[in-house]
């Protein structure tokens, strides 16, 4: 009994230590990142993008500035995703508006690839809001179409998965 209690106390100490380390790291990272970024101000055009469960609120400012996602540079935020620069610049290259806007994005939900696709969808919608003549170009490239594919929801009594069948008794 005492051995189990000791193990539980050690586990609790490790969890508390890990939580305090992540809080210190997060607080230090935010202050370091925010000091280097140039956040735009003034008039903006807004677009909302979605993919799976991810939602991206995009603001395009008509000024020079950084491409900021959730308070970080876009390349830092999407560091683990392949072809990030090519994907998020695609709407700007199609409409010939590259380096014309400063972009801020607040994205939440799902994983990084879905968040990136939601951000691209939001950028495309914001570009159409900014100039309606961009609509045919972006529509032809398929950037204005919301991808409706979602994870299938699980059903009760199925053993934790959406399509898993119940195990049948053999005897």
N, C-alpha and C. Protein backbone atom coordinates (compact mmCIF):
# COMPACT_ATOMS: atom_id res chain seq x y z
N UNK A 1 0.82 -1.19 0.00
CA UNK A 1 0.00 0.00 0.00
C UNK A 1 0.87 1.26 0.00
N UNK A 2 1.89 1.25 0.84
CA UNK A 2 2.79 2.40 0.91
C UNK A 2 3.54 2.59 -0.40
N UNK A 3 3.88 1.47 -1.05
CA UNK A 3 4.59 1.55 -2.33
C UNK A 3 3.71 2.23 -3.38
N UNK A 4 2.42 1.86 -3.45
CA UNK A 4 1.50 2.48 -4.40
C UNK A 4 1.35 3.98 -4.13
N UNK A 5 1.27 4.33 -2.84
CA UNK A 5 1.12 5.73 -2.48
C UNK A 5 2.36 6.54 -2.89
N UNK A 6 3.52 5.94 -2.70
CA UNK A 6 4.76 6.61 -3.09
C UNK A 6 4.84 6.83 -4.59
N UNK A 7 4.42 5.84 -5.38
CA UNK A 7 4.42 5.97 -6.84
C UNK A 7 3.47 7.08 -7.28
N UNK A 8 2.30 7.14 -6.65
CA UNK A 8 1.34 8.18 -7.02
C UNK A 8 1.87 9.57 -6.69
N UNK A 9 2.56 9.69 -5.55
CA UNK A 9 3.12 10.99 -5.18
C UNK A 9 4.21 11.41 -6.17
N UNK A 10 5.04 10.45 -6.60
CA UNK A 10 6.07 10.76 -7.59
C UNK A 10 5.46 11.19 -8.91
N UNK A 11 4.38 10.51 -9.31
CA UNK A 11 3.70 10.84 -10.55
C UNK A 11 3.12 12.27 -10.49
N UNK A 12 2.53 12.60 -9.36
CA UNK A 12 1.97 13.94 -9.18
C UNK A 12 3.07 14.99 -9.23
N UNK A 13 4.22 14.72 -8.61
CA UNK A 13 5.34 15.67 -8.63
C UNK A 13 5.83 15.89 -10.06
N UNK A 14 5.91 14.81 -10.85
CA UNK A 14 6.37 14.94 -12.24
C UNK A 14 5.39 15.78 -13.05
N UNK A 15 4.10 15.57 -12.85
CA UNK A 15 3.08 16.32 -13.58
C UNK A 15 3.15 17.81 -13.22
N UNK A 16 3.31 18.09 -11.93
CA UNK A 16 3.40 19.49 -11.49
C UNK A 16 4.65 20.15 -12.06
N UNK A 17 5.75 19.42 -12.07
CA UNK A 17 7.00 19.96 -12.59
C UNK A 17 6.88 20.26 -14.08
N UNK A 18 6.29 19.31 -14.83
CA UNK A 18 6.13 19.48 -16.27
C UNK A 18 5.22 20.67 -16.58
N UNK A 19 4.14 20.81 -15.82
CA UNK A 19 3.20 21.92 -16.04
C UNK A 19 3.86 23.26 -15.78
N UNK A 20 4.65 23.33 -14.73
CA UNK A 20 5.31 24.60 -14.42
C UNK A 20 6.35 24.95 -15.48
N UNK A 21 7.04 23.94 -16.03
CA UNK A 21 8.02 24.20 -17.08
C UNK A 21 7.36 24.71 -18.35
N UNK A 22 6.23 24.11 -18.74
CA UNK A 22 5.56 24.56 -19.96
C UNK A 22 4.99 25.95 -19.79
N UNK A 23 4.50 26.29 -18.61
CA UNK A 23 3.98 27.64 -18.38
C UNK A 23 5.09 28.68 -18.48
N UNK A 24 6.26 28.37 -17.94
CA UNK A 24 7.39 29.30 -18.02
C UNK A 24 7.84 29.45 -19.46
N UNK A 25 7.91 28.31 -20.19
CA UNK A 25 8.33 28.37 -21.58
C UNK A 25 7.34 29.17 -22.43
N UNK A 26 6.06 28.94 -22.21
CA UNK A 26 5.03 29.64 -22.99
C UNK A 26 5.06 31.14 -22.71
N UNK A 27 5.22 31.53 -21.47
CA UNK A 27 5.26 32.95 -21.14
C UNK A 27 6.49 33.61 -21.74
N UNK A 28 7.62 32.94 -21.71
CA UNK A 28 8.85 33.49 -22.29
C UNK A 28 8.78 33.56 -23.80
N UNK A 29 8.18 32.55 -24.43
CA UNK A 29 8.09 32.52 -25.88
C UNK A 29 7.19 33.63 -26.40
N UNK A 30 6.06 33.88 -25.73
CA UNK A 30 5.15 34.92 -26.18
C UNK A 30 5.80 36.29 -26.15
N UNK A 31 6.52 36.59 -25.09
CA UNK A 31 7.13 37.90 -24.99
C UNK A 31 8.25 38.06 -26.00
N UNK A 32 8.98 36.98 -26.30
CA UNK A 32 10.07 37.06 -27.27
C UNK A 32 9.53 37.20 -28.69
N UNK A 33 8.49 36.45 -29.01
CA UNK A 33 7.94 36.47 -30.37
C UNK A 33 7.27 37.81 -30.64
N UNK A 34 6.45 38.28 -29.72
CA UNK A 34 5.68 39.50 -29.95
C UNK A 34 6.56 40.72 -30.11
N UNK A 35 7.75 40.74 -29.54
CA UNK A 35 8.61 41.91 -29.66
C UNK A 35 9.21 42.02 -31.06
N UNK A 36 9.38 40.90 -31.77
CA UNK A 36 9.99 40.92 -33.10
C UNK A 36 8.98 41.14 -34.22
N UNK A 37 7.71 40.92 -33.98
CA UNK A 37 6.71 41.02 -35.03
C UNK A 37 6.23 42.45 -35.21
N UNK A 38 5.89 42.78 -36.45
CA UNK A 38 5.26 44.06 -36.73
C UNK A 38 3.80 43.79 -37.09
N UNK A 39 2.93 44.00 -36.12
CA UNK A 39 1.51 43.77 -36.35
C UNK A 39 0.89 44.99 -37.02
N UNK A 40 0.15 44.77 -38.10
CA UNK A 40 -0.46 45.90 -38.82
C UNK A 40 -1.66 46.46 -38.08
N UNK A 41 -1.98 47.70 -38.40
CA UNK A 41 -3.17 48.35 -37.85
C UNK A 41 -3.88 49.07 -38.99
N UNK A 42 -5.08 49.51 -38.73
CA UNK A 42 -5.83 50.26 -39.74
C UNK A 42 -6.93 49.43 -40.35
N UNK A 43 -7.30 49.79 -41.58
CA UNK A 43 -8.39 49.11 -42.28
C UNK A 43 -7.96 47.73 -42.73
N UNK A 44 -8.91 46.81 -42.71
CA UNK A 44 -8.62 45.44 -43.12
C UNK A 44 -9.82 44.83 -43.80
N UNK A 45 -9.55 43.74 -44.52
CA UNK A 45 -10.59 42.93 -45.14
C UNK A 45 -10.55 41.58 -44.46
N UNK A 46 -11.73 41.07 -44.11
CA UNK A 46 -11.79 39.85 -43.32
C UNK A 46 -12.38 38.70 -44.12
N UNK A 47 -11.88 37.49 -43.84
CA UNK A 47 -12.40 36.28 -44.45
C UNK A 47 -12.38 35.15 -43.44
N UNK A 48 -13.34 34.24 -43.55
CA UNK A 48 -13.44 33.11 -42.65
C UNK A 48 -13.26 31.84 -43.45
N UNK A 49 -12.32 31.00 -43.03
CA UNK A 49 -12.05 29.74 -43.72
C UNK A 49 -12.27 28.56 -42.79
N UNK A 50 -12.73 27.45 -43.37
CA UNK A 50 -12.98 26.26 -42.57
C UNK A 50 -12.46 25.02 -43.29
N UNK A 51 -12.03 24.04 -42.49
CA UNK A 51 -11.64 22.73 -42.99
C UNK A 51 -11.73 21.76 -41.83
N UNK A 52 -12.45 20.66 -42.00
CA UNK A 52 -12.72 19.73 -40.91
C UNK A 52 -13.29 20.50 -39.73
N UNK A 53 -12.59 20.52 -38.59
CA UNK A 53 -13.09 21.25 -37.43
C UNK A 53 -12.34 22.57 -37.27
N UNK A 54 -11.33 22.81 -38.11
CA UNK A 54 -10.51 24.02 -38.00
C UNK A 54 -11.26 25.24 -38.55
N UNK A 55 -11.11 26.36 -37.84
CA UNK A 55 -11.70 27.63 -38.27
C UNK A 55 -10.60 28.67 -38.25
N UNK A 56 -10.46 29.40 -39.36
CA UNK A 56 -9.43 30.42 -39.46
C UNK A 56 -10.09 31.76 -39.76
N UNK A 57 -9.80 32.77 -38.90
CA UNK A 57 -10.26 34.14 -39.13
C UNK A 57 -9.07 34.92 -39.68
N UNK A 58 -9.20 35.36 -40.92
CA UNK A 58 -8.09 35.99 -41.64
C UNK A 58 -8.39 37.47 -41.83
N UNK A 59 -7.38 38.30 -41.58
CA UNK A 59 -7.48 39.74 -41.85
C UNK A 59 -6.34 40.15 -42.78
N UNK A 60 -6.71 40.81 -43.88
CA UNK A 60 -5.74 41.33 -44.83
C UNK A 60 -5.66 42.84 -44.68
N UNK A 61 -4.47 43.33 -44.36
CA UNK A 61 -4.23 44.76 -44.21
C UNK A 61 -3.46 45.25 -45.44
N UNK A 62 -3.85 46.42 -45.97
CA UNK A 62 -3.17 46.97 -47.13
C UNK A 62 -1.91 47.71 -46.71
N UNK A 63 -0.94 46.98 -46.21
CA UNK A 63 0.31 47.58 -45.80
C UNK A 63 1.37 46.50 -45.74
N UNK A 64 2.60 46.92 -45.63
CA UNK A 64 3.70 45.97 -45.46
C UNK A 64 3.68 45.48 -44.03
N UNK A 65 4.02 44.22 -43.84
CA UNK A 65 4.07 43.66 -42.49
C UNK A 65 4.30 42.17 -42.56
N UNK A 66 4.24 41.55 -41.40
CA UNK A 66 4.50 40.12 -41.30
C UNK A 66 3.23 39.32 -41.53
N UNK A 67 3.42 38.03 -41.82
CA UNK A 67 2.34 37.08 -41.93
C UNK A 67 2.28 36.37 -40.58
N UNK A 68 1.29 36.73 -39.76
CA UNK A 68 1.23 36.28 -38.37
C UNK A 68 0.05 35.32 -38.18
N UNK A 69 0.35 34.17 -37.55
CA UNK A 69 -0.69 33.18 -37.23
C UNK A 69 -0.63 32.93 -35.73
N UNK A 70 -1.71 33.25 -35.03
CA UNK A 70 -1.79 33.06 -33.58
C UNK A 70 -0.59 33.64 -32.84
N UNK A 71 -0.14 34.81 -33.24
CA UNK A 71 0.95 35.49 -32.56
C UNK A 71 2.34 35.01 -32.94
N UNK A 72 2.45 34.13 -33.94
CA UNK A 72 3.75 33.63 -34.39
C UNK A 72 3.86 33.85 -35.90
N UNK A 73 5.10 33.86 -36.40
CA UNK A 73 5.28 33.89 -37.84
C UNK A 73 4.72 32.62 -38.45
N UNK A 74 4.21 32.71 -39.65
CA UNK A 74 3.54 31.58 -40.28
C UNK A 74 4.49 30.39 -40.46
N UNK A 75 5.75 30.65 -40.77
CA UNK A 75 6.70 29.55 -40.96
C UNK A 75 7.03 28.86 -39.63
N UNK A 76 6.98 29.60 -38.54
CA UNK A 76 7.22 29.00 -37.23
C UNK A 76 6.01 28.20 -36.76
N UNK A 77 4.83 28.73 -37.01
CA UNK A 77 3.61 28.06 -36.54
C UNK A 77 3.39 26.74 -37.28
N UNK A 78 3.59 26.73 -38.60
CA UNK A 78 3.39 25.53 -39.41
C UNK A 78 4.72 24.86 -39.74
N UNK A 79 5.62 24.77 -38.78
CA UNK A 79 6.96 24.26 -39.01
C UNK A 79 6.97 22.80 -39.45
N UNK A 80 6.03 21.98 -38.99
CA UNK A 80 6.05 20.56 -39.31
C UNK A 80 5.30 20.18 -40.57
N UNK A 81 4.70 21.12 -41.27
CA UNK A 81 3.88 20.81 -42.44
C UNK A 81 4.70 21.04 -43.71
N UNK A 82 4.54 20.14 -44.67
CA UNK A 82 5.29 20.22 -45.93
C UNK A 82 4.71 21.30 -46.85
N UNK A 83 5.56 21.96 -47.62
CA UNK A 83 5.19 22.95 -48.65
C UNK A 83 4.32 24.08 -48.10
N UNK A 84 4.63 24.56 -46.91
CA UNK A 84 3.81 25.59 -46.27
C UNK A 84 3.81 26.88 -47.07
N UNK A 85 4.98 27.34 -47.46
CA UNK A 85 5.10 28.63 -48.16
C UNK A 85 4.34 28.60 -49.47
N UNK A 86 4.46 27.51 -50.20
CA UNK A 86 3.76 27.37 -51.47
C UNK A 86 2.24 27.39 -51.28
N UNK A 87 1.76 26.71 -50.23
CA UNK A 87 0.32 26.62 -50.01
C UNK A 87 -0.30 27.94 -49.59
N UNK A 88 0.31 28.64 -48.62
CA UNK A 88 -0.34 29.87 -48.16
C UNK A 88 -0.13 31.04 -49.11
N UNK A 89 0.85 30.95 -50.02
CA UNK A 89 1.04 32.01 -51.02
C UNK A 89 0.21 31.78 -52.28
N UNK A 90 -0.40 30.60 -52.41
CA UNK A 90 -1.14 30.26 -53.63
C UNK A 90 -2.24 31.27 -53.98
N UNK A 91 -3.10 31.71 -53.06
CA UNK A 91 -4.12 32.70 -53.44
C UNK A 91 -3.52 34.03 -53.89
N UNK A 92 -2.41 34.42 -53.27
CA UNK A 92 -1.77 35.69 -53.64
C UNK A 92 -1.13 35.60 -55.03
N UNK A 93 -0.53 34.44 -55.35
CA UNK A 93 0.10 34.28 -56.66
C UNK A 93 -0.95 34.24 -57.77
N UNK A 94 -2.09 33.61 -57.51
CA UNK A 94 -3.15 33.52 -58.52
C UNK A 94 -3.71 34.90 -58.84
N UNK A 95 -3.86 35.74 -57.81
CA UNK A 95 -4.45 37.08 -58.00
C UNK A 95 -3.41 38.18 -58.21
N UNK A 96 -2.14 37.83 -58.30
CA UNK A 96 -1.04 38.80 -58.48
C UNK A 96 -1.04 39.88 -57.40
N UNK A 97 -1.24 39.49 -56.16
CA UNK A 97 -1.23 40.44 -55.04
C UNK A 97 -0.16 40.06 -54.01
N UNK A 98 0.87 39.37 -54.47
CA UNK A 98 1.91 38.94 -53.54
C UNK A 98 2.66 40.16 -53.01
N UNK A 99 2.99 40.16 -51.72
CA UNK A 99 3.70 41.25 -51.03
C UNK A 99 2.90 42.56 -51.00
N UNK A 100 1.60 42.48 -51.18
CA UNK A 100 0.77 43.67 -51.13
C UNK A 100 0.07 43.81 -49.77
N UNK A 101 -0.11 42.67 -49.08
CA UNK A 101 -0.88 42.66 -47.84
C UNK A 101 -0.04 42.18 -46.66
N UNK A 102 -0.39 42.70 -45.50
CA UNK A 102 0.05 42.12 -44.24
C UNK A 102 -1.11 41.28 -43.74
N UNK A 103 -0.83 40.09 -43.23
CA UNK A 103 -1.88 39.15 -42.89
C UNK A 103 -1.78 38.76 -41.42
N UNK A 104 -2.92 38.77 -40.74
CA UNK A 104 -3.00 38.19 -39.40
C UNK A 104 -4.10 37.14 -39.42
N UNK A 105 -3.82 36.02 -38.75
CA UNK A 105 -4.76 34.90 -38.74
C UNK A 105 -4.90 34.40 -37.32
N UNK A 106 -6.14 34.12 -36.92
CA UNK A 106 -6.42 33.41 -35.69
C UNK A 106 -7.08 32.11 -36.09
N UNK A 107 -6.42 31.01 -35.76
CA UNK A 107 -6.90 29.70 -36.18
C UNK A 107 -7.02 28.80 -34.96
N UNK A 108 -8.06 27.96 -34.98
CA UNK A 108 -8.27 27.03 -33.86
C UNK A 108 -8.92 25.76 -34.38
N UNK A 109 -8.77 24.70 -33.63
CA UNK A 109 -9.42 23.43 -33.94
C UNK A 109 -8.60 22.56 -34.85
N UNK A 110 -8.85 21.26 -34.80
CA UNK A 110 -8.27 20.24 -35.66
C UNK A 110 -6.74 20.21 -35.56
N UNK A 111 -6.06 19.76 -36.61
CA UNK A 111 -4.60 19.66 -36.62
C UNK A 111 -3.99 20.70 -37.53
N UNK A 112 -2.66 20.70 -37.61
CA UNK A 112 -1.97 21.73 -38.39
C UNK A 112 -2.29 21.70 -39.88
N UNK A 113 -2.31 20.54 -40.56
CA UNK A 113 -2.65 20.56 -41.99
C UNK A 113 -4.05 21.11 -42.26
N UNK A 114 -5.02 20.74 -41.44
CA UNK A 114 -6.39 21.26 -41.62
C UNK A 114 -6.44 22.75 -41.31
N UNK A 115 -5.67 23.21 -40.33
CA UNK A 115 -5.62 24.63 -40.02
C UNK A 115 -5.02 25.41 -41.19
N UNK A 116 -4.00 24.83 -41.83
CA UNK A 116 -3.39 25.49 -42.99
C UNK A 116 -4.39 25.61 -44.13
N UNK A 117 -5.14 24.54 -44.40
CA UNK A 117 -6.13 24.59 -45.48
C UNK A 117 -7.26 25.57 -45.15
N UNK A 118 -7.64 25.64 -43.88
CA UNK A 118 -8.66 26.61 -43.47
C UNK A 118 -8.14 28.03 -43.66
N UNK A 119 -6.87 28.25 -43.37
CA UNK A 119 -6.26 29.57 -43.54
C UNK A 119 -6.24 29.98 -45.02
N UNK A 120 -5.89 29.04 -45.90
CA UNK A 120 -5.88 29.33 -47.34
C UNK A 120 -7.29 29.65 -47.83
N UNK A 121 -8.27 28.92 -47.33
CA UNK A 121 -9.67 29.18 -47.69
C UNK A 121 -10.09 30.57 -47.23
N UNK A 122 -9.69 30.95 -46.02
CA UNK A 122 -10.01 32.27 -45.50
C UNK A 122 -9.31 33.38 -46.28
N UNK A 123 -8.07 33.16 -46.68
CA UNK A 123 -7.34 34.16 -47.48
C UNK A 123 -8.05 34.37 -48.81
N UNK A 124 -8.47 33.27 -49.44
CA UNK A 124 -9.17 33.38 -50.72
C UNK A 124 -10.47 34.15 -50.57
N UNK A 125 -11.22 33.88 -49.52
CA UNK A 125 -12.47 34.61 -49.29
C UNK A 125 -12.22 36.09 -49.02
N UNK A 126 -11.16 36.39 -48.29
CA UNK A 126 -10.83 37.79 -48.00
C UNK A 126 -10.41 38.52 -49.28
N UNK A 127 -9.69 37.83 -50.17
CA UNK A 127 -9.29 38.46 -51.44
C UNK A 127 -10.51 38.75 -52.32
N UNK A 128 -11.51 37.88 -52.28
CA UNK A 128 -12.75 38.14 -53.03
C UNK A 128 -13.49 39.32 -52.43
N UNK A 129 -13.49 39.40 -51.10
CA UNK A 129 -14.12 40.54 -50.42
C UNK A 129 -13.41 41.84 -50.77
N UNK A 130 -12.09 41.78 -50.88
CA UNK A 130 -11.29 42.96 -51.21
C UNK A 130 -11.54 43.41 -52.64
N UNK A 131 -11.53 42.46 -53.58
CA UNK A 131 -11.74 42.78 -54.99
C UNK A 131 -12.57 41.66 -55.63
N UNK A 132 -13.85 41.91 -55.95
CA UNK A 132 -14.71 40.86 -56.51
C UNK A 132 -14.22 40.32 -57.86
N UNK A 133 -13.33 41.01 -58.54
CA UNK A 133 -12.80 40.51 -59.81
C UNK A 133 -11.88 39.31 -59.61
N UNK A 134 -11.44 39.06 -58.38
CA UNK A 134 -10.60 37.90 -58.08
C UNK A 134 -11.39 36.61 -58.01
N UNK A 135 -12.70 36.71 -57.92
CA UNK A 135 -13.54 35.52 -57.71
C UNK A 135 -13.37 34.46 -58.81
N UNK A 136 -13.45 34.78 -60.11
CA UNK A 136 -13.31 33.73 -61.12
C UNK A 136 -11.96 33.01 -61.07
N UNK A 137 -10.90 33.77 -60.79
CA UNK A 137 -9.57 33.15 -60.73
C UNK A 137 -9.47 32.16 -59.57
N UNK A 138 -9.94 32.59 -58.41
CA UNK A 138 -9.85 31.74 -57.23
C UNK A 138 -10.82 30.56 -57.31
N UNK A 139 -11.98 30.79 -57.91
CA UNK A 139 -12.96 29.73 -58.06
C UNK A 139 -12.43 28.63 -58.99
N UNK A 140 -11.78 29.04 -60.07
CA UNK A 140 -11.22 28.09 -61.02
C UNK A 140 -10.11 27.26 -60.38
N UNK A 141 -9.35 27.86 -59.49
CA UNK A 141 -8.28 27.14 -58.79
C UNK A 141 -8.82 26.26 -57.68
N UNK A 142 -10.11 26.40 -57.34
CA UNK A 142 -10.73 25.57 -56.32
C UNK A 142 -10.47 26.02 -54.91
N UNK A 143 -10.08 27.28 -54.73
CA UNK A 143 -9.75 27.78 -53.40
C UNK A 143 -10.95 28.34 -52.65
N UNK A 144 -12.07 28.57 -53.33
CA UNK A 144 -13.25 29.10 -52.66
C UNK A 144 -14.20 27.99 -52.21
N UNK A 145 -13.94 26.77 -52.62
CA UNK A 145 -14.80 25.65 -52.26
C UNK A 145 -14.38 25.10 -50.90
N UNK A 146 -15.34 25.03 -49.99
CA UNK A 146 -15.04 24.47 -48.67
C UNK A 146 -15.03 22.96 -48.80
N UNK A 147 -13.98 22.33 -48.31
CA UNK A 147 -13.86 20.88 -48.35
C UNK A 147 -14.76 20.29 -47.27
N UNK A 148 -15.83 19.57 -47.63
CA UNK A 148 -16.81 19.14 -46.62
C UNK A 148 -16.43 17.87 -45.88
N UNK A 149 -15.31 17.23 -46.26
CA UNK A 149 -14.97 15.95 -45.63
C UNK A 149 -14.62 16.15 -44.16
N UNK A 150 -15.27 15.39 -43.30
CA UNK A 150 -15.04 15.46 -41.86
C UNK A 150 -14.83 14.04 -41.34
N UNK A 151 -14.30 13.96 -40.14
CA UNK A 151 -14.15 12.66 -39.49
C UNK A 151 -15.53 12.14 -39.14
N UNK A 152 -15.75 10.86 -39.40
CA UNK A 152 -17.05 10.28 -39.09
C UNK A 152 -17.20 10.13 -37.58
N UNK A 153 -18.36 10.51 -37.09
CA UNK A 153 -18.59 10.46 -35.64
C UNK A 153 -18.79 9.02 -35.18
N UNK A 154 -18.39 8.75 -33.96
CA UNK A 154 -18.53 7.41 -33.43
C UNK A 154 -19.98 7.16 -33.01
N UNK A 155 -20.34 5.90 -33.06
CA UNK A 155 -21.69 5.52 -32.67
C UNK A 155 -21.65 4.78 -31.34
N UNK A 156 -22.68 4.91 -30.54
CA UNK A 156 -22.69 4.19 -29.26
C UNK A 156 -22.79 2.68 -29.47
N UNK A 157 -22.10 1.96 -28.62
CA UNK A 157 -22.15 0.50 -28.68
C UNK A 157 -21.29 -0.10 -29.75
N UNK A 158 -20.37 0.66 -30.31
CA UNK A 158 -19.53 0.16 -31.39
C UNK A 158 -18.08 -0.07 -30.98
N UNK A 159 -17.77 0.05 -29.71
CA UNK A 159 -16.41 -0.23 -29.27
C UNK A 159 -15.44 0.91 -29.51
N UNK A 160 -15.92 2.14 -29.59
CA UNK A 160 -15.02 3.29 -29.66
C UNK A 160 -14.71 3.80 -31.04
N UNK A 161 -15.07 3.08 -32.10
CA UNK A 161 -14.78 3.54 -33.46
C UNK A 161 -16.08 3.74 -34.23
N UNK A 162 -16.00 4.47 -35.32
CA UNK A 162 -17.21 4.82 -36.05
C UNK A 162 -17.83 3.62 -36.76
N UNK A 163 -17.00 2.77 -37.37
CA UNK A 163 -17.55 1.67 -38.17
C UNK A 163 -17.25 0.29 -37.59
N UNK A 164 -16.68 0.25 -36.42
CA UNK A 164 -16.35 -1.03 -35.82
C UNK A 164 -17.64 -1.78 -35.48
N UNK A 165 -17.63 -3.08 -35.75
CA UNK A 165 -18.79 -3.92 -35.43
C UNK A 165 -18.61 -4.52 -34.05
N UNK A 166 -19.71 -4.93 -33.48
CA UNK A 166 -19.64 -5.61 -32.19
C UNK A 166 -19.03 -6.99 -32.37
N UNK A 167 -18.31 -7.43 -31.35
CA UNK A 167 -17.76 -8.78 -31.38
C UNK A 167 -18.87 -9.76 -31.09
N UNK A 168 -19.00 -10.76 -31.94
CA UNK A 168 -20.07 -11.75 -31.73
C UNK A 168 -19.52 -12.93 -30.92
N UNK A 169 -20.33 -13.45 -30.02
CA UNK A 169 -19.86 -14.60 -29.24
C UNK A 169 -19.81 -15.86 -30.10
N UNK A 170 -18.76 -16.66 -29.94
CA UNK A 170 -18.59 -17.86 -30.76
C UNK A 170 -19.24 -19.09 -30.13
N UNK A 171 -19.44 -19.06 -28.81
CA UNK A 171 -19.99 -20.25 -28.14
C UNK A 171 -21.31 -19.94 -27.48
